[in-house]
Amino acid sequence: MKLHTKDIIIKEEMLTLTNQRALFWRAQQALVLSDLHIGKSAHFRKSGIPISDQVLQKDLERLKALILHFNARQLIIVGDLFHAEVNSDIQTFKTWLLQFEGLELYLVIGNHDRVSNTIYEALNIKISNPALEILPFRFIHDKVKPVEAHFIISGHTHPGVVIRGKAKQSIKLPCYQVTNFQLILPAFSLFTGLNTKGGPNIVKIMLLQTPVFLKFNVLHALKENLQL
């Protein structure tokens, strides 16, 4: 896994954006991500669609690498940790978690997080619904209206951006969307679609080209090994 980062300051807090669809909050030693969708590949297999279990394994390998790289003490998941019903992928995740003694897990309940509370208790996950507040941030799954004194970090929309070339080439990439009061995380799982419609009041773009961030004026877009 090739890791590239960009530090930004929001509310006087240092946030490190990564090209691996997660950010690190240095003051809290917290890795923050959204939309892991554990169970999605098993859900498709149960429906007769042949999706490899390597889909989840690759996501968990990336997550492990990020936890170790940043020496994270907390994992904050801003919704949709799980995808649907209880299935074999959840047991895979439970086994995977055993290697991280002392890692605290926090989950803001998303629209796909429909498993019973006994599952969260078994995985030692602290759940919040509808939001988790750790000043100066408020973590919530979906877009919301501005809240005074809180900067909002959310997920849910799977934001993306289309980059177009002069010869009509195009590439679709995951991105971070940033407004004056909110940062929307890209979907962490590689097995997700991208919403390239954008949104209102977006104020910045950063496109990651190895190893330098190129600055634009609408979104934060990150991609490993992007060649323009």
C-alpha atoms as a PDB file:
ATOM      1  CA  MET A   1       0.000   0.000   0.000  1.00  0.00           C
ATOM      2  CA  LYS A   2       1.376   3.395  -0.990  1.00  0.00           C
ATOM      3  CA  LEU A   3       0.424   6.101   1.475  1.00  0.00           C
ATOM      4  CA  HIS A   4       0.345   9.817   0.708  1.00  0.00           C
ATOM      5  CA  THR A   5      -0.940  12.455   3.085  1.00  0.00           C
ATOM      6  CA  LYS A   6      -1.920  16.110   3.340  1.00  0.00           C
ATOM      7  CA  ASP A   7      -2.243  17.980   6.635  1.00  0.00           C
ATOM      8  CA  ILE A   8      -5.033  20.530   6.968  1.00  0.00           C
ATOM      9  CA  ILE A   9      -6.093  22.665   9.917  1.00  0.00           C
ATOM     10  CA  ILE A  10      -9.770  22.836  10.911  1.00  0.00           C
ATOM     11  CA  LYS A  11     -10.892  24.532  14.125  1.00  0.00           C
ATOM     12  CA  GLU A  12      -7.212  24.711  15.153  1.00  0.00           C
ATOM     13  CA  GLU A  13      -6.959  20.916  14.960  1.00  0.00           C
ATOM     14  CA  MET A  14      -4.541  19.070  12.676  1.00  0.00           C
ATOM     15  CA  LEU A  15      -6.233  16.546  10.389  1.00  0.00           C
ATOM     16  CA  THR A  16      -4.153  14.357   8.093  1.00  0.00           C
ATOM     17  CA  LEU A  17      -5.995  13.375   4.916  1.00  0.00           C
ATOM     18  CA  THR A  18      -4.761  10.204   3.243  1.00  0.00           C
ATOM     19  CA  ASN A  19      -5.095   8.765  -0.239  1.00  0.00           C
ATOM     20  CA  GLN A  20      -6.431   5.613   1.449  1.00  0.00           C
ATOM     21  CA  ARG A  21      -9.858   7.168   2.141  1.00  0.00           C
ATOM     22  CA  ALA A  22      -9.376   7.884   5.842  1.00  0.00           C
ATOM     23  CA  LEU A  23      -8.065  10.768   7.936  1.00  0.00           C
ATOM     24  CA  PHE A  24      -6.027  10.882  11.127  1.00  0.00           C
ATOM     25  CA  TRP A  25      -6.844  13.282  13.965  1.00  0.00           C
ATOM     26  CA  ARG A  26      -3.530  13.767  15.666  1.00  0.00           C
ATOM     27  CA  ALA A  27      -4.701  15.263  18.970  1.00  0.00           C
ATOM     28  CA  GLN A  28      -6.947  12.263  19.669  1.00  0.00           C
ATOM     29  CA  GLN A  29      -4.712   9.662  17.983  1.00  0.00           C
ATOM     30  CA  ALA A  30      -7.870   8.724  16.119  1.00  0.00           C
ATOM     31  CA  LEU A  31      -8.235   7.232  12.662  1.00  0.00           C
ATOM     32  CA  VAL A  32     -11.522   8.432  11.154  1.00  0.00           C
ATOM     33  CA  LEU A  33     -13.314   6.754   8.259  1.00  0.00           C
ATOM     34  CA  SER A  34     -16.770   5.956   6.940  1.00  0.00           C
ATOM     35  CA  ASP A  35     -18.649   3.368   4.905  1.00  0.00           C
ATOM     36  CA  LEU A  36     -16.617   0.204   5.386  1.00  0.00           C
ATOM     37  CA  HIS A  37     -19.712  -1.900   4.552  1.00  0.00           C
ATOM     38  CA  ILE A  38     -18.527  -5.139   6.138  1.00  0.00           C
ATOM     39  CA  GLY A  39     -20.794  -7.950   4.978  1.00  0.00           C
ATOM     40  CA  LYS A  40     -21.502  -6.544   1.535  1.00  0.00           C
ATOM     41  CA  SER A  41     -19.513  -9.162  -0.372  1.00  0.00           C
ATOM     42  CA  ALA A  42     -21.037 -12.011   1.676  1.00  0.00           C
ATOM     43  CA  HIS A  43     -24.500 -10.492   1.138  1.00  0.00           C
ATOM     44  CA  PHE A  44     -23.940 -10.581  -2.626  1.00  0.00           C
ATOM     45  CA  ARG A  45     -22.678 -14.182  -2.485  1.00  0.00           C
ATOM     46  CA  LYS A  46     -25.761 -15.191  -0.500  1.00  0.00           C
ATOM     47  CA  SER A  47     -27.846 -13.722  -3.335  1.00  0.00           C
ATOM     48  CA  GLY A  48     -25.988 -15.848  -5.892  1.00  0.00           C
ATOM     49  CA  ILE A  49     -23.619 -13.137  -7.124  1.00  0.00           C
ATOM     50  CA  PRO A  50     -20.013 -14.438  -7.101  1.00  0.00           C
ATOM     51  CA  ILE A  51     -18.065 -11.738  -5.233  1.00  0.00           C
ATOM     52  CA  SER A  52     -14.688 -12.819  -3.822  1.00  0.00           C
ATOM     53  CA  ASP A  53     -14.062 -12.691  -0.082  1.00  0.00           C
ATOM     54  CA  GLN A  54     -10.818 -10.913  -0.993  1.00  0.00           C
ATOM     55  CA  VAL A  55     -12.890  -7.726  -1.278  1.00  0.00           C
ATOM     56  CA  LEU A  56     -13.156  -7.523   2.516  1.00  0.00           C
ATOM     57  CA  GLN A  57      -9.639  -8.831   3.076  1.00  0.00           C
ATOM     58  CA  LYS A  58      -8.131  -6.026   0.984  1.00  0.00           C
ATOM     59  CA  ASP A  59     -10.124  -3.381   2.877  1.00  0.00           C
ATOM     60  CA  LEU A  60      -8.990  -4.811   6.215  1.00  0.00           C
ATOM     61  CA  GLU A  61      -5.364  -4.970   5.044  1.00  0.00           C
ATOM     62  CA  ARG A  62      -5.494  -1.260   4.194  1.00  0.00           C
ATOM     63  CA  LEU A  63      -7.121  -0.471   7.520  1.00  0.00           C
ATOM     64  CA  LYS A  64      -4.493  -2.434   9.438  1.00  0.00           C
ATOM     65  CA  ALA A  65      -1.694  -0.620   7.605  1.00  0.00           C
ATOM     66  CA  LEU A  66      -3.213   2.758   8.523  1.00  0.00           C
ATOM     67  CA  ILE A  67      -3.685   1.817  12.190  1.00  0.00           C
ATOM     68  CA  LEU A  68      -0.062   0.702  12.433  1.00  0.00           C
ATOM     69  CA  HIS A  69       1.332   3.641  10.461  1.00  0.00           C
ATOM     70  CA  PHE A  70      -0.333   6.258  12.638  1.00  0.00           C
ATOM     71  CA  ASN A  71      -0.165   4.201  15.838  1.00  0.00           C
ATOM     72  CA  ALA A  72      -3.873   4.946  16.227  1.00  0.00           C
ATOM     73  CA  ARG A  73      -5.450   4.488  19.643  1.00  0.00           C
ATOM     74  CA  GLN A  74      -9.019   5.142  18.499  1.00  0.00           C
ATOM     75  CA  LEU A  75     -10.995   4.130  15.429  1.00  0.00           C
ATOM     76  CA  ILE A  76     -13.970   6.393  14.703  1.00  0.00           C
ATOM     77  CA  ILE A  77     -16.309   5.000  12.039  1.00  0.00           C
ATOM     78  CA  VAL A  78     -18.785   7.577  10.798  1.00  0.00           C
ATOM     79  CA  GLY A  79     -21.548   5.182   9.809  1.00  0.00           C
ATOM     80  CA  ASP A  80     -22.106   2.041   7.731  1.00  0.00           C
ATOM     81  CA  LEU A  81     -19.525  -0.167   9.375  1.00  0.00           C
ATOM     82  CA  PHE A  82     -21.788  -3.037   8.345  1.00  0.00           C
ATOM     83  CA  HIS A  83     -23.796  -3.457   5.174  1.00  0.00           C
ATOM     84  CA  ALA A  84     -26.828  -5.612   5.947  1.00  0.00           C
ATOM     85  CA  GLU A  85     -27.678  -8.703   7.951  1.00  0.00           C
ATOM     86  CA  VAL A  86     -25.288 -10.749  10.091  1.00  0.00           C
ATOM     87  CA  ASN A  87     -23.161 -12.984   7.872  1.00  0.00           C
ATOM     88  CA  SER A  88     -19.723 -14.629   7.674  1.00  0.00           C
ATOM     89  CA  ASP A  89     -17.913 -11.330   7.043  1.00  0.00           C
ATOM     90  CA  ILE A  90     -18.748 -10.152  10.566  1.00  0.00           C
ATOM     91  CA  GLN A  91     -16.951 -13.167  12.044  1.00  0.00           C
ATOM     92  CA  THR A  92     -13.971 -12.368   9.821  1.00  0.00           C
ATOM     93  CA  PHE A  93     -13.969  -8.827  11.196  1.00  0.00           C
ATOM     94  CA  LYS A  94     -14.238 -10.090  14.784  1.00  0.00           C
ATOM     95  CA  THR A  95     -11.199 -12.321  14.314  1.00  0.00           C
ATOM     96  CA  TRP A  96      -9.284  -9.495  12.616  1.00  0.00           C
ATOM     97  CA  LEU A  97      -9.933  -7.161  15.578  1.00  0.00           C
ATOM     98  CA  LEU A  98      -8.177  -9.490  18.027  1.00  0.00           C
ATOM     99  CA  GLN A  99      -4.757  -8.271  16.874  1.00  0.00           C
ATOM    100  CA  PHE A 100      -5.411  -4.698  18.104  1.00  0.00           C
ATOM    101  CA  GLU A 101      -5.356  -4.859  21.880  1.00  0.00           C
ATOM    102  CA  GLY A 102      -6.306  -1.518  23.411  1.00  0.00           C
ATOM    103  CA  LEU A 103      -7.793  -0.045  20.215  1.00  0.00           C
ATOM    104  CA  GLU A 104     -11.038   1.788  21.054  1.00  0.00           C
ATOM    105  CA  LEU A 105     -13.820   1.538  18.486  1.00  0.00           C
ATOM    106  CA  TYR A 106     -16.541   4.151  18.085  1.00  0.00           C
ATOM    107  CA  LEU A 107     -19.385   3.855  15.598  1.00  0.00           C
ATOM    108  CA  VAL A 108     -21.917   6.470  14.586  1.00  0.00           C
ATOM    109  CA  ILE A 109     -24.910   4.433  13.448  1.00  0.00           C
ATOM    110  CA  GLY A 110     -25.509   4.666   9.698  1.00  0.00           C
ATOM    111  CA  ASN A 111     -28.468   3.663   7.560  1.00  0.00           C
ATOM    112  CA  HIS A 112     -26.929   0.227   6.852  1.00  0.00           C
ATOM    113  CA  ASP A 113     -25.983  -0.536  10.467  1.00  0.00           C
ATOM    114  CA  ARG A 114     -28.961  -2.745  11.284  1.00  0.00           C
ATOM    115  CA  VAL A 115     -27.354  -5.521  13.345  1.00  0.00           C
ATOM    116  CA  SER A 116     -28.469  -6.044  16.938  1.00  0.00           C
ATOM    117  CA  ASN A 117     -26.832  -4.329  19.906  1.00  0.00           C
ATOM    118  CA  THR A 118     -25.496  -7.708  21.026  1.00  0.00           C
ATOM    119  CA  ILE A 119     -23.202  -7.709  17.979  1.00  0.00           C
ATOM    120  CA  TYR A 120     -21.775  -4.309  18.886  1.00  0.00           C
ATOM    121  CA  GLU A 121     -21.300  -5.444  22.479  1.00  0.00           C
ATOM    122  CA  ALA A 122     -19.535  -8.628  21.354  1.00  0.00           C
ATOM    123  CA  LEU A 123     -17.154  -6.534  19.249  1.00  0.00           C
ATOM    124  CA  ASN A 124     -16.674  -3.987  22.070  1.00  0.00           C
ATOM    125  CA  ILE A 125     -17.879  -1.137  19.852  1.00  0.00           C
ATOM    126  CA  LYS A 126     -19.204   2.023  21.490  1.00  0.00           C
ATOM    127  CA  ILE A 127     -22.170   3.230  19.452  1.00  0.00           C
ATOM    128  CA  SER A 128     -23.642   6.719  19.058  1.00  0.00           C
ATOM    129  CA  ASN A 129     -26.907   7.629  17.393  1.00  0.00           C
ATOM    130  CA  PRO A 130     -27.343   9.997  15.671  1.00  0.00           C
ATOM    131  CA  ALA A 131     -24.015  11.705  16.427  1.00  0.00           C
ATOM    132  CA  LEU A 132     -20.741  11.513  18.338  1.00  0.00           C
ATOM    133  CA  GLU A 133     -19.450  14.801  19.705  1.00  0.00           C
ATOM    134  CA  ILE A 134     -15.779  15.276  20.511  1.00  0.00           C
ATOM    135  CA  LEU A 135     -15.167  18.998  20.440  1.00  0.00           C
ATOM    136  CA  PRO A 136     -14.632  20.793  18.169  1.00  0.00           C
ATOM    137  CA  PHE A 137     -16.088  18.111  15.889  1.00  0.00           C
ATOM    138  CA  ARG A 138     -19.474  16.459  15.532  1.00  0.00           C
ATOM    139  CA  PHE A 139     -19.402  13.114  13.733  1.00  0.00           C
ATOM    140  CA  ILE A 140     -22.633  12.149  11.974  1.00  0.00           C
ATOM    141  CA  HIS A 141     -23.354   9.768   9.117  1.00  0.00           C
ATOM    142  CA  ASP A 142     -25.364  11.911   6.724  1.00  0.00           C
ATOM    143  CA  LYS A 143     -25.335  15.565   5.652  1.00  0.00           C
ATOM    144  CA  VAL A 144     -26.825  17.962   8.158  1.00  0.00           C
ATOM    145  CA  LYS A 145     -27.428  21.642   8.674  1.00  0.00           C
ATOM    146  CA  PRO A 146     -24.651  23.697  10.305  1.00  0.00           C
ATOM    147  CA  VAL A 147     -24.403  23.444  14.085  1.00  0.00           C
ATOM    148  CA  GLU A 148     -22.926  26.371  15.957  1.00  0.00           C
ATOM    149  CA  ALA A 149     -19.588  25.603  17.656  1.00  0.00           C
ATOM    150  CA  HIS A 150     -19.214  22.255  15.857  1.00  0.00           C
ATOM    151  CA  PHE A 151     -17.471  21.393  12.621  1.00  0.00           C
ATOM    152  CA  ILE A 152     -19.204  18.365  11.123  1.00  0.00           C
ATOM    153  CA  ILE A 153     -17.414  15.275   9.812  1.00  0.00           C
ATOM    154  CA  SER A 154     -19.715  12.891   7.944  1.00  0.00           C
ATOM    155  CA  GLY A 155     -19.884  10.145   5.320  1.00  0.00           C
ATOM    156  CA  HIS A 156     -22.778   8.365   3.568  1.00  0.00           C
ATOM    157  CA  THR A 157     -22.684  10.020   0.144  1.00  0.00           C
ATOM    158  CA  HIS A 158     -19.561   8.239  -1.202  1.00  0.00           C
ATOM    159  CA  PRO A 159     -18.252  11.472  -2.795  1.00  0.00           C
ATOM    160  CA  GLY A 160     -16.283  11.322  -6.021  1.00  0.00           C
ATOM    161  CA  VAL A 161     -14.980  13.588  -8.744  1.00  0.00           C
ATOM    162  CA  VAL A 162     -14.488  13.153 -12.489  1.00  0.00           C
ATOM    163  CA  ILE A 163     -11.198  14.403 -13.928  1.00  0.00           C
ATOM    164  CA  ARG A 164     -11.328  14.972 -17.689  1.00  0.00           C
ATOM    165  CA  GLY A 165      -8.394  15.161 -20.115  1.00  0.00           C
ATOM    166  CA  LYS A 166      -7.987  17.150 -23.317  1.00  0.00           C
ATOM    167  CA  ALA A 167      -8.586  14.088 -25.530  1.00  0.00           C
ATOM    168  CA  LYS A 168     -11.907  13.248 -23.862  1.00  0.00           C
ATOM    169  CA  GLN A 169     -10.298  10.831 -21.413  1.00  0.00           C
ATOM    170  CA  SER A 170     -11.799  10.752 -17.946  1.00  0.00           C
ATOM    171  CA  ILE A 171     -11.195   9.088 -14.621  1.00  0.00           C
ATOM    172  CA  LYS A 172     -13.527   8.887 -11.635  1.00  0.00           C
ATOM    173  CA  LEU A 173     -11.930   9.153  -8.198  1.00  0.00           C
ATOM    174  CA  PRO A 174     -13.039   9.121  -4.554  1.00  0.00           C
ATOM    175  CA  CYS A 175     -12.619  12.456  -2.790  1.00  0.00           C
ATOM    176  CA  TYR A 176     -13.122  14.482   0.364  1.00  0.00           C
ATOM    177  CA  GLN A 177     -15.745  17.224   0.063  1.00  0.00           C
ATOM    178  CA  VAL A 178     -15.136  20.259   2.247  1.00  0.00           C
ATOM    179  CA  THR A 179     -17.409  23.196   2.998  1.00  0.00           C
ATOM    180  CA  ASN A 180     -17.054  25.948   5.557  1.00  0.00           C
ATOM    181  CA  PHE A 181     -18.779  23.814   8.203  1.00  0.00           C
ATOM    182  CA  GLN A 182     -18.453  20.183   7.052  1.00  0.00           C
ATOM    183  CA  LEU A 183     -16.007  17.586   5.750  1.00  0.00           C
ATOM    184  CA  ILE A 184     -17.523  14.585   3.948  1.00  0.00           C
ATOM    185  CA  LEU A 185     -15.361  11.466   3.957  1.00  0.00           C
ATOM    186  CA  PRO A 186     -14.945   9.189   0.947  1.00  0.00           C
ATOM    187  CA  ALA A 187     -16.257   5.640   1.328  1.00  0.00           C
ATOM    188  CA  PHE A 188     -13.435   3.565   2.806  1.00  0.00           C
ATOM    189  CA  SER A 189     -14.375   0.301   1.102  1.00  0.00           C
ATOM    190  CA  LEU A 190     -13.121  -0.150  -2.438  1.00  0.00           C
ATOM    191  CA  PHE A 191     -16.339  -2.072  -3.158  1.00  0.00           C
ATOM    192  CA  THR A 192     -18.558   1.020  -3.324  1.00  0.00           C
ATOM    193  CA  GLY A 193     -19.907   3.335  -5.985  1.00  0.00           C
ATOM    194  CA  LEU A 194     -18.985   7.012  -6.320  1.00  0.00           C
ATOM    195  CA  ASN A 195     -21.329   9.999  -6.293  1.00  0.00           C
ATOM    196  CA  THR A 196     -19.820  12.651  -8.578  1.00  0.00           C
ATOM    197  CA  LYS A 197     -22.679  15.143  -8.381  1.00  0.00           C
ATOM    198  CA  GLY A 198     -20.872  17.300  -5.837  1.00  0.00           C
ATOM    199  CA  GLY A 199     -22.842  19.456  -3.448  1.00  0.00           C
ATOM    200  CA  PRO A 200     -23.635  23.026  -2.452  1.00  0.00           C
ATOM    201  CA  ASN A 201     -21.104  25.411  -0.953  1.00  0.00           C
ATOM    202  CA  ILE A 202     -18.077  23.203  -1.569  1.00  0.00           C
ATOM    203  CA  VAL A 203     -14.997  25.358  -1.199  1.00  0.00           C
ATOM    204  CA  LYS A 204     -11.866  23.345  -2.101  1.00  0.00           C
ATOM    205  CA  ILE A 205     -10.300  20.660  -4.319  1.00  0.00           C
ATOM    206  CA  MET A 206      -7.041  18.879  -3.630  1.00  0.00           C
ATOM    207  CA  LEU A 207      -6.040  16.196  -6.098  1.00  0.00           C
ATOM    208  CA  LEU A 208      -3.243  13.903  -4.975  1.00  0.00           C
ATOM    209  CA  GLN A 209      -0.593  13.249  -7.579  1.00  0.00           C
ATOM    210  CA  THR A 210       2.376  11.287  -6.288  1.00  0.00           C
ATOM    211  CA  PRO A 211       3.869  12.766  -4.231  1.00  0.00           C
ATOM    212  CA  VAL A 212       2.414  16.298  -4.402  1.00  0.00           C
ATOM    213  CA  PHE A 213      -1.094  17.643  -3.806  1.00  0.00           C
ATOM    214  CA  LEU A 214      -2.313  19.759  -6.720  1.00  0.00           C
ATOM    215  CA  LYS A 215      -4.621  22.544  -5.523  1.00  0.00           C
ATOM    216  CA  PHE A 216      -7.910  23.378  -7.231  1.00  0.00           C
ATOM    217  CA  ASN A 217     -10.954  25.225  -5.881  1.00  0.00           C
ATOM    218  CA  VAL A 218     -13.844  22.817  -5.355  1.00  0.00           C
ATOM    219  CA  LEU A 219     -13.022  19.390  -3.710  1.00  0.00           C
ATOM    220  CA  HIS A 220     -10.308  17.387  -1.948  1.00  0.00           C
ATOM    221  CA  ALA A 221      -9.646  14.462  -4.300  1.00  0.00           C
ATOM    222  CA  LEU A 222      -7.109  11.760  -3.520  1.00  0.00           C
ATOM    223  CA  LYS A 223      -5.947   8.781  -5.552  1.00  0.00           C
ATOM    224  CA  GLU A 224      -3.015   6.402  -5.250  1.00  0.00           C
ATOM    225  CA  ASN A 225      -0.625   6.518  -8.220  1.00  0.00           C
ATOM    226  CA  LEU A 226      -2.692   9.000 -10.242  1.00  0.00           C
ATOM    227  CA  GLN A 227      -0.834   9.996 -13.414  1.00  0.00           C
ATOM    228  CA  LEU A 228      -2.087  13.060 -15.314  1.00  0.00           C
END
